PDB file of all heavy atoms in Angstrom:
ATOM      1  N   ARG A   1      73.518  -4.462  16.380  1.00  0.00           N
ATOM      2  CA  ARG A   1      72.313  -5.265  16.729  1.00  0.00           C
ATOM      3  C   ARG A   1      72.600  -5.984  18.166  1.00  0.00           C
ATOM      4  O   ARG A   1      71.519  -5.968  18.926  1.00  0.00           O
ATOM      5  CB  ARG A   1      72.066  -6.454  15.697  1.00  0.00           C
ATOM      6  CG  ARG A   1      71.519  -5.866  14.403  1.00  0.00           C
ATOM      7  CD  ARG A   1      71.399  -6.981  13.371  1.00  0.00           C
ATOM      8  NE  ARG A   1      70.739  -6.519  12.098  1.00  0.00           N
ATOM      9  CZ  ARG A   1      70.634  -7.257  11.058  1.00  0.00           C
ATOM     10  NH1 ARG A   1      70.985  -8.527  11.039  1.00  0.00           N
ATOM     11  NH2 ARG A   1      70.160  -6.719   9.978  1.00  0.00           N
ATOM     12  N   ARG A   2      73.775  -6.233  18.349  1.00  0.00           N
ATOM     13  CA  ARG A   2      74.148  -6.814  19.673  1.00  0.00           C
ATOM     14  C   ARG A   2      73.845  -5.835  20.832  1.00  0.00           C
ATOM     15  O   ARG A   2      73.319  -6.174  22.023  1.00  0.00           O
ATOM     16  CB  ARG A   2      75.540  -7.296  19.736  1.00  0.00           C
ATOM     17  CG  ARG A   2      75.850  -8.076  21.074  1.00  0.00           C
ATOM     18  CD  ARG A   2      76.782  -7.309  21.887  1.00  0.00           C
ATOM     19  NE  ARG A   2      77.143  -8.153  23.113  1.00  0.00           N
ATOM     20  CZ  ARG A   2      78.017  -7.727  24.043  1.00  0.00           C
ATOM     21  NH1 ARG A   2      78.381  -6.557  23.981  1.00  0.00           N
ATOM     22  NH2 ARG A   2      78.203  -8.466  25.061  1.00  0.00           N
ATOM     23  N   GLY A   3      74.056  -4.529  20.558  1.00  0.00           N
ATOM     24  CA  GLY A   3      73.971  -3.451  21.496  1.00  0.00           C
ATOM     25  C   GLY A   3      72.414  -3.300  21.831  1.00  0.00           C
ATOM     26  O   GLY A   3      72.085  -2.824  22.866  1.00  0.00           O
ATOM     27  N   GLU A   4      71.579  -3.649  20.830  1.00  0.00           N
ATOM     28  CA  GLU A   4      70.100  -3.526  21.026  1.00  0.00           C
ATOM     29  C   GLU A   4      69.594  -4.564  21.795  1.00  0.00           C
ATOM     30  O   GLU A   4      68.354  -4.436  22.300  1.00  0.00           O
ATOM     31  CB  GLU A   4      69.399  -3.300  19.739  1.00  0.00           C
ATOM     32  CG  GLU A   4      69.865  -2.185  18.812  1.00  0.00           C
ATOM     33  CD  GLU A   4      69.410  -2.225  17.504  1.00  0.00           C
ATOM     34  OE1 GLU A   4      69.076  -3.296  17.049  1.00  0.00           O
ATOM     35  OE2 GLU A   4      69.307  -1.198  16.835  1.00  0.00           O
ATOM     36  N   SER A   5      70.265  -5.769  22.060  1.00  0.00           N
ATOM     37  CA  SER A   5      69.603  -6.920  22.701  1.00  0.00           C
ATOM     38  C   SER A   5      70.623  -7.623  23.478  1.00  0.00           C
ATOM     39  O   SER A   5      70.268  -8.757  23.928  1.00  0.00           O
ATOM     40  CB  SER A   5      69.142  -7.905  21.582  1.00  0.00           C
ATOM     41  OG  SER A   5      70.160  -8.236  20.719  1.00  0.00           O
ATOM     42  N   ALA A   6      71.674  -7.087  23.992  1.00  0.00           N
ATOM     43  CA  ALA A   6      72.624  -7.700  24.844  1.00  0.00           C
ATOM     44  C   ALA A   6      72.121  -7.890  26.226  1.00  0.00           C
ATOM     45  O   ALA A   6      71.373  -7.017  26.846  1.00  0.00           O
ATOM     46  CB  ALA A   6      73.963  -6.879  24.918  1.00  0.00           C
ATOM     47  N   LEU A   7      72.409  -8.975  26.895  1.00  0.00           N
ATOM     48  CA  LEU A   7      72.004  -9.343  28.236  1.00  0.00           C
ATOM     49  C   LEU A   7      73.144  -9.332  29.146  1.00  0.00           C
ATOM     50  O   LEU A   7      74.391  -9.446  28.575  1.00  0.00           O
ATOM     51  CB  LEU A   7      71.413 -10.616  28.352  1.00  0.00           C
ATOM     52  CG  LEU A   7      70.162 -10.982  27.443  1.00  0.00           C
ATOM     53  CD1 LEU A   7      69.612 -12.405  27.731  1.00  0.00           C
ATOM     54  CD2 LEU A   7      69.075  -9.904  27.848  1.00  0.00           C
ATOM     55  N   THR A   8      72.984  -9.152  30.397  1.00  0.00           N
ATOM     56  CA  THR A   8      74.155  -9.295  31.376  1.00  0.00           C
ATOM     57  C   THR A   8      74.283 -10.796  31.592  1.00  0.00           C
ATOM     58  O   THR A   8      73.509 -11.486  31.234  1.00  0.00           O
ATOM     59  CB  THR A   8      73.798  -8.511  32.616  1.00  0.00           C
ATOM     60  OG1 THR A   8      72.505  -9.083  33.244  1.00  0.00           O
ATOM     61  CG2 THR A   8      73.555  -6.993  32.434  1.00  0.00           C
ATOM     62  N   PRO A   9      75.318 -11.174  32.413  1.00  0.00           N
ATOM     63  CA  PRO A   9      75.544 -12.506  32.576  1.00  0.00           C
ATOM     64  C   PRO A   9      74.332 -13.362  33.255  1.00  0.00           C
ATOM     65  O   PRO A   9      73.672 -12.746  34.106  1.00  0.00           O
ATOM     66  CB  PRO A   9      76.722 -12.643  33.469  1.00  0.00           C
ATOM     67  CG  PRO A   9      77.422 -11.370  33.264  1.00  0.00           C
ATOM     68  CD  PRO A   9      76.336 -10.277  32.864  1.00  0.00           C
ATOM     69  N   TRP A  10      74.014 -14.511  32.757  1.00  0.00           N
ATOM     70  CA  TRP A  10      73.104 -15.361  33.363  1.00  0.00           C
ATOM     71  C   TRP A  10      73.729 -16.654  33.599  1.00  0.00           C
ATOM     72  O   TRP A  10      74.801 -17.005  33.163  1.00  0.00           O
ATOM     73  CB  TRP A  10      71.847 -15.507  32.432  1.00  0.00           C
ATOM     74  CG  TRP A  10      72.126 -15.725  30.954  1.00  0.00           C
ATOM     75  CD1 TRP A  10      72.134 -14.840  30.047  1.00  0.00           C
ATOM     76  CD2 TRP A  10      72.577 -17.017  30.317  1.00  0.00           C
ATOM     77  NE1 TRP A  10      72.415 -15.325  28.820  1.00  0.00           N
ATOM     78  CE2 TRP A  10      72.817 -16.646  28.990  1.00  0.00           C
ATOM     79  CE3 TRP A  10      72.820 -18.250  30.883  1.00  0.00           C
ATOM     80  CZ2 TRP A  10      73.231 -17.653  28.050  1.00  0.00           C
ATOM     81  CZ3 TRP A  10      73.255 -19.253  29.942  1.00  0.00           C
ATOM     82  CH2 TRP A  10      73.379 -18.921  28.579  1.00  0.00           C
ATOM     83  N   ASP A  11      73.126 -17.585  34.513  1.00  0.00           N
ATOM     84  CA  ASP A  11      73.744 -18.796  34.667  1.00  0.00           C
ATOM     85  C   ASP A  11      73.034 -20.036  34.065  1.00  0.00           C
ATOM     86  O   ASP A  11      73.662 -21.030  33.706  1.00  0.00           O
ATOM     87  CB  ASP A  11      73.680 -18.996  36.314  1.00  0.00           C
ATOM     88  CG  ASP A  11      74.596 -18.111  36.959  1.00  0.00           C
ATOM     89  OD1 ASP A  11      75.877 -18.197  36.909  1.00  0.00           O
ATOM     90  OD2 ASP A  11      74.066 -17.081  37.505  1.00  0.00           O
ATOM     91  N   VAL A  12      71.674 -20.014  33.873  1.00  0.00           N
ATOM     92  CA  VAL A  12      70.917 -20.937  33.254  1.00  0.00           C
ATOM     93  C   VAL A  12      69.927 -20.194  32.267  1.00  0.00           C
ATOM     94  O   VAL A  12      69.262 -19.150  32.756  1.00  0.00           O
ATOM     95  CB  VAL A  12      70.122 -21.753  34.192  1.00  0.00           C
ATOM     96  CG1 VAL A  12      69.363 -22.828  33.342  1.00  0.00           C
ATOM     97  CG2 VAL A  12      71.061 -22.451  35.219  1.00  0.00           C
ATOM     98  N   ALA A  13      69.807 -20.642  31.054  1.00  0.00           N
ATOM     99  CA  ALA A  13      68.820 -19.879  30.172  1.00  0.00           C
ATOM    100  C   ALA A  13      68.181 -21.106  29.451  1.00  0.00           C
ATOM    101  O   ALA A  13      68.587 -22.061  28.993  1.00  0.00           O
ATOM    102  CB  ALA A  13      69.621 -19.062  29.173  1.00  0.00           C
ATOM    103  N   ALA A  14      66.900 -20.727  29.081  1.00  0.00           N
ATOM    104  CA  ALA A  14      65.969 -21.630  28.318  1.00  0.00           C
ATOM    105  C   ALA A  14      65.027 -20.834  27.545  1.00  0.00           C
ATOM    106  O   ALA A  14      64.474 -19.810  27.890  1.00  0.00           O
ATOM    107  CB  ALA A  14      65.369 -22.567  29.338  1.00  0.00           C
ATOM    108  N   VAL A  15      64.609 -21.467  26.402  1.00  0.00           N
ATOM    109  CA  VAL A  15      63.525 -20.844  25.476  1.00  0.00           C
ATOM    110  C   VAL A  15      62.576 -21.961  25.265  1.00  0.00           C
ATOM    111  O   VAL A  15      62.981 -23.170  25.105  1.00  0.00           O
ATOM    112  CB  VAL A  15      64.170 -20.539  24.211  1.00  0.00           C
ATOM    113  CG1 VAL A  15      63.123 -19.728  23.290  1.00  0.00           C
ATOM    114  CG2 VAL A  15      65.424 -19.587  24.420  1.00  0.00           C
ATOM    115  N   GLY A  16      61.393 -21.662  25.346  1.00  0.00           N
ATOM    116  CA  GLY A  16      60.324 -22.706  25.197  1.00  0.00           C
ATOM    117  C   GLY A  16      59.084 -22.350  24.452  1.00  0.00           C
ATOM    118  O   GLY A  16      58.707 -21.046  24.373  1.00  0.00           O
ATOM    119  N   ASP A  17      58.674 -23.182  23.549  1.00  0.00           N
ATOM    120  CA  ASP A  17      57.316 -23.063  22.925  1.00  0.00           C
ATOM    121  C   ASP A  17      56.154 -23.538  23.632  1.00  0.00           C
ATOM    122  O   ASP A  17      56.195 -24.645  24.253  1.00  0.00           O
ATOM    123  CB  ASP A  17      57.393 -23.856  21.574  1.00  0.00           C
ATOM    124  CG  ASP A  17      57.988 -23.016  20.466  1.00  0.00           C
ATOM    125  OD1 ASP A  17      58.330 -21.857  20.594  1.00  0.00           O
ATOM    126  OD2 ASP A  17      58.155 -23.557  19.302  1.00  0.00           O
ATOM    127  N   VAL A  18      55.037 -22.775  23.653  1.00  0.00           N
ATOM    128  CA  VAL A  18      53.825 -23.142  24.463  1.00  0.00           C
ATOM    129  C   VAL A  18      52.651 -22.919  23.450  1.00  0.00           C
ATOM    130  O   VAL A  18      52.687 -21.872  22.655  1.00  0.00           O
ATOM    131  CB  VAL A  18      53.704 -22.203  25.715  1.00  0.00           C
ATOM    132  CG1 VAL A  18      52.423 -22.523  26.458  1.00  0.00           C
ATOM    133  CG2 VAL A  18      54.953 -22.398  26.591  1.00  0.00           C
ATOM    134  N   PHE A  19      51.605 -23.836  23.489  1.00  0.00           N
ATOM    135  CA  PHE A  19      50.468 -23.555  22.842  1.00  0.00           C
ATOM    136  C   PHE A  19      49.539 -22.621  23.790  1.00  0.00           C
ATOM    137  O   PHE A  19      49.299 -22.903  24.816  1.00  0.00           O
ATOM    138  CB  PHE A  19      49.724 -24.852  22.571  1.00  0.00           C
ATOM    139  CG  PHE A  19      50.408 -25.776  21.632  1.00  0.00           C
ATOM    140  CD1 PHE A  19      50.670 -27.070  22.021  1.00  0.00           C
ATOM    141  CD2 PHE A  19      50.660 -25.425  20.415  1.00  0.00           C
ATOM    142  CE1 PHE A  19      51.392 -27.998  21.157  1.00  0.00           C
ATOM    143  CE2 PHE A  19      51.345 -26.224  19.513  1.00  0.00           C
ATOM    144  CZ  PHE A  19      51.671 -27.482  19.852  1.00  0.00           C
ATOM    145  N   ALA A  20      49.277 -21.483  23.149  1.00  0.00           N
ATOM    146  CA  ALA A  20      48.459 -20.460  24.023  1.00  0.00           C
ATOM    147  C   ALA A  20      47.079 -21.150  24.461  1.00  0.00           C
ATOM    148  O   ALA A  20      46.399 -21.574  23.608  1.00  0.00           O
ATOM    149  CB  ALA A  20      48.197 -19.218  23.192  1.00  0.00           C
ATOM    150  N   ASP A  21      46.900 -21.018  25.628  1.00  0.00           N
ATOM    151  CA  ASP A  21      45.479 -21.464  26.277  1.00  0.00           C
ATOM    152  C   ASP A  21      45.322 -22.899  25.925  1.00  0.00           C
ATOM    153  O   ASP A  21      44.147 -23.388  25.927  1.00  0.00           O
ATOM    154  CB  ASP A  21      44.407 -20.636  25.640  1.00  0.00           C
ATOM    155  CG  ASP A  21      44.398 -19.136  25.979  1.00  0.00           C
ATOM    156  OD1 ASP A  21      44.896 -18.882  27.127  1.00  0.00           O
ATOM    157  OD2 ASP A  21      44.209 -18.288  25.134  1.00  0.00           O
ATOM    158  N   GLY A  22      46.457 -23.577  25.694  1.00  0.00           N
ATOM    159  CA  GLY A  22      46.267 -25.056  25.326  1.00  0.00           C
ATOM    160  C   GLY A  22      45.755 -25.465  24.179  1.00  0.00           C
ATOM    161  O   GLY A  22      45.336 -26.548  23.863  1.00  0.00           O
ATOM    162  N   VAL A  23      45.636 -24.473  23.128  1.00  0.00           N
ATOM    163  CA  VAL A  23      44.964 -24.680  21.896  1.00  0.00           C
ATOM    164  C   VAL A  23      46.043 -24.612  20.769  1.00  0.00           C
ATOM    165  O   VAL A  23      46.793 -23.664  20.746  1.00  0.00           O
ATOM    166  CB  VAL A  23      43.881 -23.693  21.582  1.00  0.00           C
ATOM    167  CG1 VAL A  23      43.234 -23.902  20.234  1.00  0.00           C
ATOM    168  CG2 VAL A  23      42.898 -23.775  22.589  1.00  0.00           C
ATOM    169  N   ALA A  24      46.074 -25.660  19.947  1.00  0.00           N
ATOM    170  CA  ALA A  24      47.157 -25.668  18.843  1.00  0.00           C
ATOM    171  C   ALA A  24      46.573 -25.046  17.634  1.00  0.00           C
ATOM    172  O   ALA A  24      45.409 -25.153  17.271  1.00  0.00           O
ATOM    173  CB  ALA A  24      47.770 -27.016  18.603  1.00  0.00           C
ATOM    174  N   ALA A  25      47.368 -24.510  16.699  1.00  0.00           N
ATOM    175  CA  ALA A  25      47.026 -24.208  15.310  1.00  0.00           C
ATOM    176  C   ALA A  25      46.887 -25.409  14.604  1.00  0.00           C
ATOM    177  O   ALA A  25      47.510 -26.385  14.796  1.00  0.00           O
ATOM    178  CB  ALA A  25      48.153 -23.309  14.734  1.00  0.00           C
ATOM    179  N   THR A  26      45.859 -25.462  13.711  1.00  0.00           N
ATOM    180  CA  THR A  26      45.724 -26.760  13.003  1.00  0.00           C
ATOM    181  C   THR A  26      45.786 -26.508  11.574  1.00  0.00           C
ATOM    182  O   THR A  26      45.313 -25.409  11.056  1.00  0.00           O
ATOM    183  CB  THR A  26      44.227 -27.287  13.288  1.00  0.00           C
ATOM    184  OG1 THR A  26      43.308 -26.248  13.147  1.00  0.00           O
ATOM    185  CG2 THR A  26      44.122 -27.649  14.780  1.00  0.00           C
ATOM    186  N   GLY A  27      46.190 -27.409  10.837  1.00  0.00           N
ATOM    187  CA  GLY A  27      46.240 -27.316   9.393  1.00  0.00           C
ATOM    188  C   GLY A  27      45.139 -28.213   8.864  1.00  0.00           C
ATOM    189  O   GLY A  27      44.396 -28.898   9.617  1.00  0.00           O
ATOM    190  N   SER A  28      45.010 -28.209   7.552  1.00  0.00           N
ATOM    191  CA  SER A  28      43.972 -29.014   7.002  1.00  0.00           C
ATOM    192  C   SER A  28      44.559 -30.132   6.284  1.00  0.00           C
ATOM    193  O   SER A  28      45.804 -30.204   5.878  1.00  0.00           O
ATOM    194  CB  SER A  28      43.257 -28.125   5.792  1.00  0.00           C
ATOM    195  OG  SER A  28      44.147 -27.699   4.807  1.00  0.00           O
ATOM    196  N   THR A  29      43.973 -31.328   6.174  1.00  0.00           N
ATOM    197  CA  THR A  29      44.308 -32.485   5.560  1.00  0.00           C
ATOM    198  C   THR A  29      43.434 -32.840   4.390  1.00  0.00           C
ATOM    199  O   THR A  29      42.216 -33.063   4.613  1.00  0.00           O
ATOM    200  CB  THR A  29      44.442 -33.664   6.451  1.00  0.00           C
ATOM    201  OG1 THR A  29      45.281 -33.282   7.548  1.00  0.00           O
ATOM    202  CG2 THR A  29      45.043 -34.865   5.806  1.00  0.00           C
ATOM    203  N   ASP A  30      43.824 -32.936   3.165  1.00  0.00           N
ATOM    204  CA  ASP A  30      43.014 -33.252   2.057  1.00  0.00           C
ATOM    205  C   ASP A  30      42.746 -34.755   1.958  1.00  0.00           C
ATOM    206  O   ASP A  30      43.160 -35.554   2.627  1.00  0.00           O
ATOM    207  CB  ASP A  30      43.588 -32.635   0.770  1.00  0.00           C
ATOM    208  CG  ASP A  30      44.881 -33.199   0.394  1.00  0.00           C
ATOM    209  OD1 ASP A  30      45.154 -34.480   0.852  1.00  0.00           O
ATOM    210  OD2 ASP A  30      45.570 -32.584  -0.358  1.00  0.00           O
TER     211      ASP A  30
END
């Protein structure tokens, strides 16, 4: 699995969550 997704060296890495088009998924409240 590592061979399928290995990266070369990087110096800074970040992962971020974004609401697409600024719209959030909404749940319901009873």
